[in-house]
Amino acid sequence: MAALALAPIGRADAADQRTQFGGTIVAGVCTVTGSLTRAGSFNFDEDLLIESGATIKVSPAASGLDFTVNGNFTMEAGSLIDGTLLASGHGADITVDATGDIKMLGGANGPKIIAPEQVRAALPPRQAGQLGGVRRDLGG
C-alpha cells in the first residue's frame, strides 16, 4: 500500500543533503527545478521549494522518498512528485516532515503528489475529506 505522510516535526536530524538531492540555493531557499529521479531520505536545513514545472520521480527500484525539512516545504502549481512504481504494482511511500508550513500552492493546475492506492496526509488541524480515490486525513 502506498502512503503519503505530511507532518510538522521538531527539527532535522541529519546533515543538509541539498547537493545530493539536486536543489540549488536561491535567496536562502533550496529550490528544485527540472526533472529528477530520486529515492531515499533527504534532509534540508532550509526551506524547500519545488518550482512550477519541476518533476520528482521516485526511483522504480526503491520503496519511497522521505523529505525532512528544517523550514517550510512548498510545492508550486504545476509541480509533481510521482511515486508510481510500475514494477512493484503499488505506489511509493512519500513522507514530508517539516518544522514550518507545508504548502501546496494551487489553482486549476495545482501541485500533484502521485502515490497510487491509499494516500494518507497528516497535516495541521483543518478538516477531513475525500478526494477521488485518495483519502485525505487533515485532522492532525
Protein backbone atom coordinates (compact mmCIF):
# COMPACT_ATOMS: atom_id res chain seq x y z
CA MET A 1 0.00 0.00 0.00
CA ALA A 2 1.32 3.47 -0.85
CA ALA A 3 1.41 6.11 1.83
CA LEU A 4 1.87 9.84 1.91
CA ALA A 5 2.62 11.36 5.29
CA LEU A 6 2.90 15.09 5.85
CA ALA A 7 3.60 16.27 9.39
CA PRO A 8 5.28 19.14 11.23
CA ILE A 9 8.34 18.00 13.20
CA GLY A 10 10.72 19.39 15.78
CA ARG A 11 13.97 19.54 13.75
CA ALA A 12 16.03 17.89 11.04
CA ASP A 13 18.15 15.04 12.43
CA ALA A 14 20.92 14.75 9.83
CA ALA A 15 23.18 16.92 7.71
CA ASP A 16 21.74 19.02 4.90
CA GLN A 17 21.64 16.97 1.68
CA ARG A 18 20.50 19.57 -0.86
CA THR A 19 23.53 18.91 -3.09
CA GLN A 20 22.90 15.15 -3.22
CA PHE A 21 19.22 15.79 -3.91
CA GLY A 22 19.82 18.25 -6.74
CA GLY A 23 18.48 21.50 -5.32
CA THR A 24 20.17 24.89 -5.55
CA ILE A 25 20.05 27.73 -3.04
CA VAL A 26 18.14 30.79 -4.26
CA ALA A 27 17.67 33.59 -1.71
CA GLY A 28 18.20 31.16 1.19
CA VAL A 29 15.72 28.59 -0.14
CA CYS A 30 16.63 25.17 -1.58
CA THR A 31 14.94 25.31 -4.97
CA VAL A 32 14.18 22.31 -7.18
CA THR A 33 13.67 22.85 -10.91
CA GLY A 34 13.60 20.50 -13.89
CA SER A 35 13.25 16.72 -13.66
CA LEU A 36 14.87 14.48 -11.04
CA THR A 37 14.68 10.77 -10.22
CA ARG A 38 15.38 10.15 -6.56
CA ALA A 39 14.71 7.71 -3.72
CA GLY A 40 15.67 7.51 -0.08
CA SER A 41 15.80 10.06 2.73
CA PHE A 42 16.91 13.66 2.28
CA ASN A 43 17.43 16.35 4.93
CA PHE A 44 17.26 20.09 4.24
CA ASP A 45 18.41 22.79 6.70
CA GLU A 46 16.39 25.48 4.93
CA ASP A 47 13.03 25.93 3.21
CA LEU A 48 12.44 23.59 0.27
CA LEU A 49 10.64 24.89 -2.82
CA ILE A 50 9.60 22.64 -5.70
CA GLU A 51 9.00 25.09 -8.53
CA SER A 52 6.26 25.04 -11.13
CA GLY A 53 7.19 22.54 -13.85
CA ALA A 54 9.60 20.57 -11.62
CA THR A 55 9.11 16.79 -11.57
CA ILE A 56 10.50 14.40 -8.96
CA LYS A 57 10.08 10.74 -9.93
CA VAL A 58 10.62 8.14 -7.20
CA SER A 59 13.17 5.60 -8.43
CA PRO A 60 11.37 2.41 -9.51
CA ALA A 61 13.83 0.20 -7.63
CA ALA A 62 13.18 1.96 -4.32
CA SER A 63 10.37 1.85 -1.82
CA GLY A 64 9.97 5.55 -1.10
CA LEU A 65 11.07 9.14 -0.78
CA ASP A 66 11.39 10.97 2.55
CA PHE A 67 11.91 14.72 2.99
CA THR A 68 12.94 16.19 6.35
CA VAL A 69 12.83 19.98 6.08
CA ASN A 70 14.06 22.38 8.75
CA GLY A 71 11.73 25.11 7.48
CA ASN A 72 8.83 25.31 5.04
CA PHE A 73 8.02 22.75 2.33
CA THR A 74 6.32 24.32 -0.70
CA MET A 75 5.12 22.86 -3.99
CA GLU A 76 4.10 25.39 -6.62
CA ALA A 77 1.21 24.87 -9.04
CA GLY A 78 2.34 22.61 -11.88
CA SER A 79 4.97 20.72 -9.83
CA LEU A 80 4.88 16.94 -9.43
CA ILE A 81 6.19 14.20 -7.14
CA ASP A 82 5.45 10.90 -8.89
CA GLY A 83 5.53 7.77 -6.75
CA THR A 84 4.11 5.41 -9.37
CA LEU A 85 6.12 2.19 -9.15
CA LEU A 86 5.08 0.02 -12.04
CA ALA A 87 7.41 -2.90 -11.22
CA SER A 88 6.05 -3.45 -7.71
CA GLY A 89 2.40 -2.87 -8.53
CA HIS A 90 1.83 -0.13 -5.96
CA GLY A 91 2.88 3.41 -5.24
CA ALA A 92 5.93 4.54 -3.33
CA ASP A 93 5.69 5.84 0.22
CA ILE A 94 6.28 9.61 0.19
CA THR A 95 6.89 11.39 3.50
CA VAL A 96 7.34 15.09 4.17
CA ASP A 97 8.35 16.22 7.68
CA ALA A 98 8.74 19.99 8.11
CA THR A 99 9.36 22.27 11.07
CA GLY A 100 7.47 25.04 9.23
CA ASP A 101 4.48 25.14 6.93
CA ILE A 102 3.62 22.55 4.28
CA LYS A 103 2.20 24.49 1.34
CA MET A 104 0.56 23.15 -1.80
CA LEU A 105 0.01 26.23 -3.96
CA GLY A 106 -2.96 25.58 -6.15
CA GLY A 107 -5.27 26.72 -8.80
CA ALA A 108 -6.58 24.64 -11.68
CA ASN A 109 -3.10 23.24 -12.30
CA GLY A 110 -2.12 22.73 -8.66
CA PRO A 111 0.82 20.64 -7.49
CA LYS A 112 0.44 16.88 -7.56
CA ILE A 113 1.78 14.05 -5.43
CA ILE A 114 1.06 10.69 -7.05
CA ALA A 115 1.31 7.56 -4.91
CA PRO A 116 -1.31 5.09 -6.22
CA GLU A 117 -3.54 3.26 -3.75
CA GLN A 118 -4.12 4.71 -0.30
CA VAL A 119 -2.55 8.11 0.36
CA ARG A 120 -2.54 9.48 3.90
CA ALA A 121 -1.71 13.07 4.70
CA ALA A 122 -1.41 14.15 8.31
CA LEU A 123 -1.44 17.93 8.28
CA PRO A 124 -2.06 20.60 10.90
CA PRO A 125 -5.71 20.60 12.04
CA ARG A 126 -8.09 21.58 9.26
CA GLN A 127 -10.91 19.28 8.10
CA ALA A 128 -11.13 15.70 6.86
CA GLY A 129 -12.36 14.96 3.38
CA GLN A 130 -12.42 12.56 0.47
CA LEU A 131 -10.90 13.42 -2.89
CA GLY A 132 -11.42 10.82 -5.63
CA GLY A 133 -9.69 7.55 -4.68
CA VAL A 134 -7.35 9.40 -2.31
CA ARG A 135 -8.07 9.67 1.39
CA ARG A 136 -7.10 12.97 2.90
CA ASP A 137 -6.94 12.89 6.70
CA LEU A 138 -6.45 16.53 7.64
CA GLY A 139 -7.44 16.20 11.28
CA GLY A 140 -3.83 16.08 12.55
